[in-house]
């Protein structure tokens, strides 16, 4: 069983990894990832494990999307 939040942590690393020059899709990805990160922090602070689990799944999708498109 994976720990909840590992995908959120990986997504945060990717948010902070610069792309030079940034591709056209990067802005949309960044905005969505930052939104998921914000919601995940709120869920963690509220001890809402169901929401955090769902958001970790969203983070996994975003990580896969970014890694598939290249860094």
PDB file of N, CA and C in Angstrom:
ATOM      1  N   UNK A   1       0.844  -1.183   0.000  1.00  0.00           N
ATOM      2  CA  UNK A   1       0.000   0.000   0.000  1.00  0.00           C
ATOM      3  C   UNK A   1       0.887   1.243   0.000  1.00  0.00           C
ATOM      4  N   UNK A   2       0.583   2.168  -0.890  1.00  0.00           N
ATOM      5  CA  UNK A   2       1.334   3.412  -0.972  1.00  0.00           C
ATOM      6  C   UNK A   2       0.886   4.364   0.128  1.00  0.00           C
ATOM      7  N   UNK A   3       1.814   5.185   0.552  1.00  0.00           N
ATOM      8  CA  UNK A   3       1.474   6.217   1.528  1.00  0.00           C
ATOM      9  C   UNK A   3       0.715   7.331   0.824  1.00  0.00           C
ATOM     10  N   UNK A   4      -0.274   7.859   1.492  1.00  0.00           N
ATOM     11  CA  UNK A   4      -1.033   8.976   0.938  1.00  0.00           C
ATOM     12  C   UNK A   4      -0.133  10.203   0.905  1.00  0.00           C
ATOM     13  N   UNK A   5      -0.113  10.859  -0.237  1.00  0.00           N
ATOM     14  CA  UNK A   5       0.616  12.110  -0.356  1.00  0.00           C
ATOM     15  C   UNK A   5       1.917  12.018  -1.127  1.00  0.00           C
ATOM     16  N   UNK A   6       2.373  10.821  -1.454  1.00  0.00           N
ATOM     17  CA  UNK A   6       3.622  10.693  -2.199  1.00  0.00           C
ATOM     18  C   UNK A   6       3.521  11.339  -3.576  1.00  0.00           C
ATOM     19  N   UNK A   7       2.380  11.185  -4.219  1.00  0.00           N
ATOM     20  CA  UNK A   7       2.187  11.805  -5.534  1.00  0.00           C
ATOM     21  C   UNK A   7       2.100  13.322  -5.428  1.00  0.00           C
ATOM     22  N   UNK A   8       1.516  13.797  -4.338  1.00  0.00           N
ATOM     23  CA  UNK A   8       1.444  15.240  -4.112  1.00  0.00           C
ATOM     24  C   UNK A   8       2.864  15.791  -3.933  1.00  0.00           C
ATOM     25  N   UNK A   9       3.702  15.073  -3.195  1.00  0.00           N
ATOM     26  CA  UNK A   9       5.088  15.513  -3.013  1.00  0.00           C
ATOM     27  C   UNK A   9       5.837  15.538  -4.335  1.00  0.00           C
ATOM     28  N   UNK A  10       5.661  14.503  -5.150  1.00  0.00           N
ATOM     29  CA  UNK A  10       6.331  14.453  -6.456  1.00  0.00           C
ATOM     30  C   UNK A  10       5.840  15.595  -7.348  1.00  0.00           C
ATOM     31  N   UNK A  11       4.525  15.851  -7.314  1.00  0.00           N
ATOM     32  CA  UNK A  11       3.962  16.935  -8.110  1.00  0.00           C
ATOM     33  C   UNK A  11       4.560  18.273  -7.680  1.00  0.00           C
ATOM     34  N   UNK A  12       4.736  18.473  -6.368  1.00  0.00           N
ATOM     35  CA  UNK A  12       5.319  19.716  -5.877  1.00  0.00           C
ATOM     36  C   UNK A  12       6.753  19.876  -6.375  1.00  0.00           C
ATOM     37  N   UNK A  13       7.504  18.785  -6.428  1.00  0.00           N
ATOM     38  CA  UNK A  13       8.862  18.843  -6.982  1.00  0.00           C
ATOM     39  C   UNK A  13       8.823  19.296  -8.439  1.00  0.00           C
ATOM     40  N   UNK A  14       7.866  18.758  -9.197  1.00  0.00           N
ATOM     41  CA  UNK A  14       7.764  19.123 -10.605  1.00  0.00           C
ATOM     42  C   UNK A  14       7.320  20.576 -10.783  1.00  0.00           C
ATOM     43  N   UNK A  15       6.466  21.054  -9.896  1.00  0.00           N
ATOM     44  CA  UNK A  15       6.053  22.460  -9.947  1.00  0.00           C
ATOM     45  C   UNK A  15       7.282  23.354  -9.832  1.00  0.00           C
ATOM     46  N   UNK A  16       8.220  22.954  -8.996  1.00  0.00           N
ATOM     47  CA  UNK A  16       9.405  23.769  -8.734  1.00  0.00           C
ATOM     48  C   UNK A  16      10.565  23.462  -9.679  1.00  0.00           C
ATOM     49  N   UNK A  17      10.341  22.594 -10.665  1.00  0.00           N
ATOM     50  CA  UNK A  17      11.366  22.273 -11.644  1.00  0.00           C
ATOM     51  C   UNK A  17      11.136  23.135 -12.887  1.00  0.00           C
ATOM     52  N   UNK A  18      12.069  24.033 -13.177  1.00  0.00           N
ATOM     53  CA  UNK A  18      11.864  24.932 -14.314  1.00  0.00           C
ATOM     54  C   UNK A  18      11.959  24.218 -15.655  1.00  0.00           C
ATOM     55  N   UNK A  19      11.231  24.724 -16.620  1.00  0.00           N
ATOM     56  CA  UNK A  19      11.291  24.262 -18.001  1.00  0.00           C
ATOM     57  C   UNK A  19      11.721  25.467 -18.829  1.00  0.00           C
ATOM     58  N   UNK A  20      12.852  25.326 -19.519  1.00  0.00           N
ATOM     59  CA  UNK A  20      13.377  26.465 -20.280  1.00  0.00           C
ATOM     60  C   UNK A  20      13.677  26.043 -21.703  1.00  0.00           C
ATOM     61  N   UNK A  21      12.949  26.537 -22.638  1.00  0.00           N
ATOM     62  CA  UNK A  21      11.808  27.444 -22.515  1.00  0.00           C
ATOM     63  C   UNK A  21      10.554  26.645 -22.170  1.00  0.00           C
ATOM     64  N   UNK A  22       9.607  27.257 -21.490  1.00  0.00           N
ATOM     65  CA  UNK A  22       8.390  26.526 -21.132  1.00  0.00           C
ATOM     66  C   UNK A  22       7.535  26.233 -22.370  1.00  0.00           C
ATOM     67  N   UNK A  23       7.079  24.984 -22.507  1.00  0.00           N
ATOM     68  CA  UNK A  23       6.196  24.661 -23.624  1.00  0.00           C
ATOM     69  C   UNK A  23       4.815  25.307 -23.444  1.00  0.00           C
ATOM     70  N   UNK A  24       4.037  25.312 -24.490  1.00  0.00           N
ATOM     71  CA  UNK A  24       2.734  25.988 -24.470  1.00  0.00           C
ATOM     72  C   UNK A  24       1.772  25.401 -23.435  1.00  0.00           C
ATOM     73  N   UNK A  25       1.873  24.131 -23.148  1.00  0.00           N
ATOM     74  CA  UNK A  25       0.965  23.483 -22.197  1.00  0.00           C
ATOM     75  C   UNK A  25       1.376  23.702 -20.742  1.00  0.00           C
ATOM     76  N   UNK A  26       2.580  24.202 -20.481  1.00  0.00           N
ATOM     77  CA  UNK A  26       3.126  24.272 -19.125  1.00  0.00           C
ATOM     78  C   UNK A  26       2.308  25.179 -18.205  1.00  0.00           C
ATOM     79  N   UNK A  27       1.823  26.290 -18.706  1.00  0.00           N
ATOM     80  CA  UNK A  27       1.061  27.233 -17.862  1.00  0.00           C
ATOM     81  C   UNK A  27      -0.210  26.583 -17.328  1.00  0.00           C
ATOM     82  N   UNK A  28      -0.955  25.902 -18.208  1.00  0.00           N
ATOM     83  CA  UNK A  28      -2.178  25.228 -17.774  1.00  0.00           C
ATOM     84  C   UNK A  28      -1.857  24.149 -16.748  1.00  0.00           C
ATOM     85  N   UNK A  29      -0.802  23.368 -17.003  1.00  0.00           N
ATOM     86  CA  UNK A  29      -0.412  22.302 -16.082  1.00  0.00           C
ATOM     87  C   UNK A  29      -0.045  22.891 -14.725  1.00  0.00           C
ATOM     88  N   UNK A  30       0.739  23.962 -14.733  1.00  0.00           N
ATOM     89  CA  UNK A  30       1.195  24.605 -13.497  1.00  0.00           C
ATOM     90  C   UNK A  30       0.017  25.097 -12.663  1.00  0.00           C
ATOM     91  N   UNK A  31      -0.930  25.734 -13.313  1.00  0.00           N
ATOM     92  CA  UNK A  31      -2.105  26.260 -12.595  1.00  0.00           C
ATOM     93  C   UNK A  31      -2.896  25.118 -11.961  1.00  0.00           C
ATOM     94  N   UNK A  32      -3.143  24.066 -12.723  1.00  0.00           N
ATOM     95  CA  UNK A  32      -3.897  22.922 -12.193  1.00  0.00           C
ATOM     96  C   UNK A  32      -3.140  22.250 -11.049  1.00  0.00           C
ATOM     97  N   UNK A  33      -1.839  22.070 -11.214  1.00  0.00           N
ATOM     98  CA  UNK A  33      -1.035  21.416 -10.183  1.00  0.00           C
ATOM     99  C   UNK A  33      -1.010  22.251  -8.895  1.00  0.00           C
ATOM    100  N   UNK A  34      -0.865  23.560  -9.026  1.00  0.00           N
ATOM    101  CA  UNK A  34      -0.858  24.419  -7.845  1.00  0.00           C
ATOM    102  C   UNK A  34      -2.212  24.397  -7.133  1.00  0.00           C
ATOM    103  N   UNK A  35      -3.283  24.295  -7.894  1.00  0.00           N
ATOM    104  CA  UNK A  35      -4.624  24.206  -7.303  1.00  0.00           C
ATOM    105  C   UNK A  35      -4.766  22.903  -6.511  1.00  0.00           C
ATOM    106  N   UNK A  36      -4.348  21.794  -7.107  1.00  0.00           N
ATOM    107  CA  UNK A  36      -4.413  20.498  -6.415  1.00  0.00           C
ATOM    108  C   UNK A  36      -3.538  20.533  -5.160  1.00  0.00           C
ATOM    109  N   UNK A  37      -2.356  21.134  -5.266  1.00  0.00           N
ATOM    110  CA  UNK A  37      -1.459  21.241  -4.117  1.00  0.00           C
ATOM    111  C   UNK A  37      -2.109  22.035  -2.987  1.00  0.00           C
ATOM    112  N   UNK A  38      -2.732  23.147  -3.322  1.00  0.00           N
ATOM    113  CA  UNK A  38      -3.416  23.967  -2.316  1.00  0.00           C
ATOM    114  C   UNK A  38      -4.531  23.165  -1.625  1.00  0.00           C
ATOM    115  N   UNK A  39      -5.336  22.490  -2.418  1.00  0.00           N
ATOM    116  CA  UNK A  39      -6.422  21.690  -1.842  1.00  0.00           C
ATOM    117  C   UNK A  39      -5.878  20.557  -0.969  1.00  0.00           C
ATOM    118  N   UNK A  40      -4.758  19.966  -1.383  1.00  0.00           N
ATOM    119  CA  UNK A  40      -4.150  18.886  -0.603  1.00  0.00           C
ATOM    120  C   UNK A  40      -3.646  19.403   0.748  1.00  0.00           C
ATOM    121  N   UNK A  41      -3.056  20.584   0.752  1.00  0.00           N
ATOM    122  CA  UNK A  41      -2.610  21.171   2.024  1.00  0.00           C
ATOM    123  C   UNK A  41      -3.810  21.422   2.943  1.00  0.00           C
ATOM    124  N   UNK A  42      -4.892  21.937   2.373  1.00  0.00           N
ATOM    125  CA  UNK A  42      -6.102  22.156   3.178  1.00  0.00           C
ATOM    126  C   UNK A  42      -6.638  20.847   3.734  1.00  0.00           C
ATOM    127  N   UNK A  43      -6.686  19.808   2.894  1.00  0.00           N
ATOM    128  CA  UNK A  43      -7.189  18.502   3.343  1.00  0.00           C
ATOM    129  C   UNK A  43      -6.298  17.933   4.441  1.00  0.00           C
ATOM    130  N   UNK A  44      -4.996  18.105   4.295  1.00  0.00           N
ATOM    131  CA  UNK A  44      -4.068  17.624   5.328  1.00  0.00           C
ATOM    132  C   UNK A  44      -4.312  18.365   6.636  1.00  0.00           C
ATOM    133  N   UNK A  45      -4.439  19.683   6.552  1.00  0.00           N
ATOM    134  CA  UNK A  45      -4.679  20.485   7.754  1.00  0.00           C
ATOM    135  C   UNK A  45      -5.998  20.119   8.426  1.00  0.00           C
ATOM    136  N   UNK A  46      -6.998  19.751   7.615  1.00  0.00           N
ATOM    137  CA  UNK A  46      -8.315  19.370   8.144  1.00  0.00           C
ATOM    138  C   UNK A  46      -8.387  17.900   8.528  1.00  0.00           C
ATOM    139  N   UNK A  47      -7.296  17.169   8.319  1.00  0.00           N
ATOM    140  CA  UNK A  47      -7.248  15.729   8.579  1.00  0.00           C
ATOM    141  C   UNK A  47      -8.339  14.989   7.800  1.00  0.00           C
ATOM    142  N   UNK A  48      -8.573  15.421   6.564  1.00  0.00           N
ATOM    143  CA  UNK A  48      -9.585  14.833   5.685  1.00  0.00           C
ATOM    144  C   UNK A  48      -8.899  13.822   4.758  1.00  0.00           C
ATOM    145  N   UNK A  49      -8.773  12.587   5.229  1.00  0.00           N
ATOM    146  CA  UNK A  49      -8.028  11.574   4.493  1.00  0.00           C
ATOM    147  C   UNK A  49      -8.712  11.152   3.198  1.00  0.00           C
ATOM    148  N   UNK A  50     -10.029  11.178   3.159  1.00  0.00           N
ATOM    149  CA  UNK A  50     -10.731  10.819   1.925  1.00  0.00           C
ATOM    150  C   UNK A  50     -10.406  11.812   0.812  1.00  0.00           C
ATOM    151  N   UNK A  51     -10.486  13.096   1.127  1.00  0.00           N
ATOM    152  CA  UNK A  51     -10.171  14.124   0.138  1.00  0.00           C
ATOM    153  C   UNK A  51      -8.698  14.072  -0.237  1.00  0.00           C
ATOM    154  N   UNK A  52      -7.844  13.876   0.742  1.00  0.00           N
ATOM    155  CA  UNK A  52      -6.416  13.805   0.473  1.00  0.00           C
ATOM    156  C   UNK A  52      -6.085  12.620  -0.434  1.00  0.00           C
ATOM    157  N   UNK A  53      -6.740  11.501  -0.225  1.00  0.00           N
ATOM    158  CA  UNK A  53      -6.547  10.328  -1.088  1.00  0.00           C
ATOM    159  C   UNK A  53      -6.978  10.638  -2.513  1.00  0.00           C
ATOM    160  N   UNK A  54      -8.112  11.307  -2.677  1.00  0.00           N
ATOM    161  CA  UNK A  54      -8.597  11.675  -4.003  1.00  0.00           C
ATOM    162  C   UNK A  54      -7.627  12.642  -4.678  1.00  0.00           C
ATOM    163  N   UNK A  55      -7.139  13.611  -3.931  1.00  0.00           N
ATOM    164  CA  UNK A  55      -6.210  14.590  -4.481  1.00  0.00           C
ATOM    165  C   UNK A  55      -4.858  13.967  -4.813  1.00  0.00           C
ATOM    166  N   UNK A  56      -4.451  12.968  -4.058  1.00  0.00           N
ATOM    167  CA  UNK A  56      -3.220  12.253  -4.375  1.00  0.00           C
ATOM    168  C   UNK A  56      -3.370  11.531  -5.711  1.00  0.00           C
ATOM    169  N   UNK A  57      -4.570  11.037  -5.996  1.00  0.00           N
ATOM    170  CA  UNK A  57      -4.845  10.430  -7.301  1.00  0.00           C
ATOM    171  C   UNK A  57      -4.773  11.460  -8.424  1.00  0.00           C
ATOM    172  N   UNK A  58      -5.287  12.651  -8.175  1.00  0.00           N
ATOM    173  CA  UNK A  58      -5.191  13.729  -9.158  1.00  0.00           C
ATOM    174  C   UNK A  58      -3.733  14.123  -9.378  1.00  0.00           C
ATOM    175  N   UNK A  59      -2.981  14.168  -8.295  1.00  0.00           N
ATOM    176  CA  UNK A  59      -1.560  14.493  -8.408  1.00  0.00           C
ATOM    177  C   UNK A  59      -0.832  13.433  -9.228  1.00  0.00           C
ATOM    178  N   UNK A  60      -1.191  12.185  -9.044  1.00  0.00           N
ATOM    179  CA  UNK A  60      -0.583  11.099  -9.820  1.00  0.00           C
ATOM    180  C   UNK A  60      -0.840  11.298 -11.311  1.00  0.00           C
ATOM    181  N   UNK A  61      -2.070  11.678 -11.651  1.00  0.00           N
ATOM    182  CA  UNK A  61      -2.419  11.922 -13.048  1.00  0.00           C
ATOM    183  C   UNK A  61      -1.586  13.080 -13.613  1.00  0.00           C
ATOM    184  N   UNK A  62      -1.457  14.142 -12.833  1.00  0.00           N
ATOM    185  CA  UNK A  62      -0.689  15.301 -13.286  1.00  0.00           C
ATOM    186  C   UNK A  62       0.802  14.970 -13.425  1.00  0.00           C
ATOM    187  N   UNK A  63       1.337  14.181 -12.514  1.00  0.00           N
ATOM    188  CA  UNK A  63       2.737  13.764 -12.606  1.00  0.00           C
ATOM    189  C   UNK A  63       2.957  12.955 -13.870  1.00  0.00           C
ATOM    190  N   UNK A  64       2.061  12.008 -14.112  1.00  0.00           N
ATOM    191  CA  UNK A  64       2.184  11.185 -15.324  1.00  0.00           C
ATOM    192  C   UNK A  64       2.095  12.045 -16.579  1.00  0.00           C
ATOM    193  N   UNK A  65       1.179  13.010 -16.574  1.00  0.00           N
ATOM    194  CA  UNK A  65       1.028  13.906 -17.731  1.00  0.00           C
ATOM    195  C   UNK A  65       2.307  14.689 -17.975  1.00  0.00           C
ATOM    196  N   UNK A  66       2.864  15.258 -16.930  1.00  0.00           N
ATOM    197  CA  UNK A  66       4.096  16.057 -17.083  1.00  0.00           C
ATOM    198  C   UNK A  66       5.265  15.180 -17.532  1.00  0.00           C
ATOM    199  N   UNK A  67       5.387  14.007 -16.948  1.00  0.00           N
ATOM    200  CA  UNK A  67       6.491  13.129 -17.309  1.00  0.00           C
ATOM    201  C   UNK A  67       6.340  12.593 -18.720  1.00  0.00           C
ATOM    202  N   UNK A  68       5.119  12.388 -19.181  1.00  0.00           N
ATOM    203  CA  UNK A  68       4.894  11.901 -20.545  1.00  0.00           C
ATOM    204  C   UNK A  68       5.224  12.968 -21.576  1.00  0.00           C
ATOM    205  N   UNK A  69       4.993  14.228 -21.231  1.00  0.00           N
ATOM    206  CA  UNK A  69       5.254  15.330 -22.158  1.00  0.00           C
ATOM    207  C   UNK A  69       6.713  15.764 -22.126  1.00  0.00           C
ATOM    208  N   UNK A  70       7.422  15.338 -21.127  1.00  0.00           N
ATOM    209  CA  UNK A  70       8.822  15.716 -21.014  1.00  0.00           C
ATOM    210  C   UNK A  70       9.027  16.844 -20.043  1.00  0.00           C
ATOM    211  N   UNK A  71      10.211  16.915 -19.551  1.00  0.00           N
ATOM    212  CA  UNK A  71      10.536  17.918 -18.521  1.00  0.00           C
ATOM    213  C   UNK A  71      11.133  19.071 -19.211  1.00  0.00           C
TER     214      UNK A  71
END
